[in-house]
Amino acid sequence: MSADLTARLLTELDRLVLIDPHTHINPHAPASKTLADIMGYHYYTELAHSAGLAKSRIEEPGLGPKEKVGRLVEWLDKLDNTIQVSWLIELCQRFFGFQDDRITPKNWEALYDNAAKKMAESDWETQCLKQSGIEKVFLTNDFDDPLAGFDTERYIPCLRTDDLVFHLAKPEVRQRLAKATQIDVTNTATLKDAINKLFVHFVKNNVKACAISLPPSFTPRQPGLHEVRAPLQKALNGEAMTADESARVSEFVFWSIAECCADHKLPFDLMIGVNRRVYRDGVYQGQDLFDQRVSLIQYQELFNAFPQVTFPVSVLAQASNMELVSYAWIFPNVVTNGHWWYSNIPAHITVDTRARLQAAPRTKQIGYYSDMYKLEFAWPKFQMYRRILARVLAEDFVIDRRWTETQALDLGKQVLRGNVETIFGVK
């Protein structure tokens, strides 16, 4: 009964056209051109490197796309247990007519050539979206992105603010800010003006969210102007700062951004808990990890200070998800958001999904986002989540709680699509 029920629910969830609320898609080149664009995704390079493939073999200067794929394929047999390789096989089968269940040294070249032909078709981008059941895609936009040359109804801007919060002391960041805003930032007032001007620009171009990735050490607070004036002047002058002085500047910028989110009625996506460059000799994008030191108690002042701002929160650790569920249970403005990075495997998703659906209001859950860099990944990633969601709905709601299938499907559709519409104001 459970298997048949799960299959029926999955069939219906598959019919739903989705909005992907967080990606790293480049709207000027959203789809892949070769299999190297797909297998160059950091999941594959970091796993192959972890299994023994030398970094120099992955990142060799001048390495051609076909040769890079050939080198990575040699290591896939050591990775075929991972969900990431499952995504790879599924997308190759769906998009490129791949018939085998393994990519091997014997079959990869034919796959590479067939994929290249398919990707060269003029409407490949549209085909990807249609076959993936994706209608709109949220982006991750630098604060100085002109937001020109693409359809902002299909590719929805999201203002990413990490550089402003954590790297304002870098001359190139200040130069980018000055060029983007035409404001000469000299003090706290002009800095606030510049940040607000960025928001005005993004709002005019259909922005639906602001976002930031935050380290475990960061605690949002509103520093007094007397605390931030001197450190900010050092940052603006390019002078060396102490760790405490850097923290005051980051706190001020972050709080100013939260105020702009309130003023412009934008959700503020918080991606909490990543440590950068833990494995310093790792491959590109394969250096960052997390630990257990982060707690959402660090964000209590923020959540209390901005009840009018919705905070979709993503976390990495299992314990952090338990905490996030309790915060979404209590705080009206805290929303559970997807299954981020190291949490994005079925074992963690299943536990986290069960906890969220059983404890937090159904209107405050964004079930999933792909975090993809190329459109081809939307299908296998969302399909992984849909399978898990269908099983949880079948077992926990229809069987255990005697919900009707219609009731369970309504809940599934809400966390997959409906809440994205209401929380971000997009249809």
Foldseek 3Di string as FASTA:
>chain_A
DLVVLLVVLLVVVQVAQFEFAEAAADQVCFADQFCLVVCVPVVQQQVLVVVPDDLCLQPPPPDDSVSNVLSSQQRVVVVVVAVSVVLVQVLLCQQQVDDDNGRHNVCPVVSRVSVNVSSPDPCSVVVLSVSQSYQAYEHEDELQDQLPDGQCQRYPYEYECACQLQPLLDPVSQVSLCVSQVFDDQFLVSLLVSLLSSVVSNVVSRHLAYEYEEAQPAFADADDRVLQGVLVNCSSVSHDDDPSSSNNSSNNRVVSNLVSCLVVVHAYEYEYFKDAQCPVSGHVVNRIDGDDSHECVSCVVVLVVCLSHAYAYEYADLVNLVRLLVCLLPRVRYAHAAQDDNCQGLVNLLVSVLSNVVGHDLLRAQHHHQNYHHSSSSRSSVSSSSSSLSSCLSVVPCPVVVDDSVVSSVSVCCNRHVSCCVNRVHD
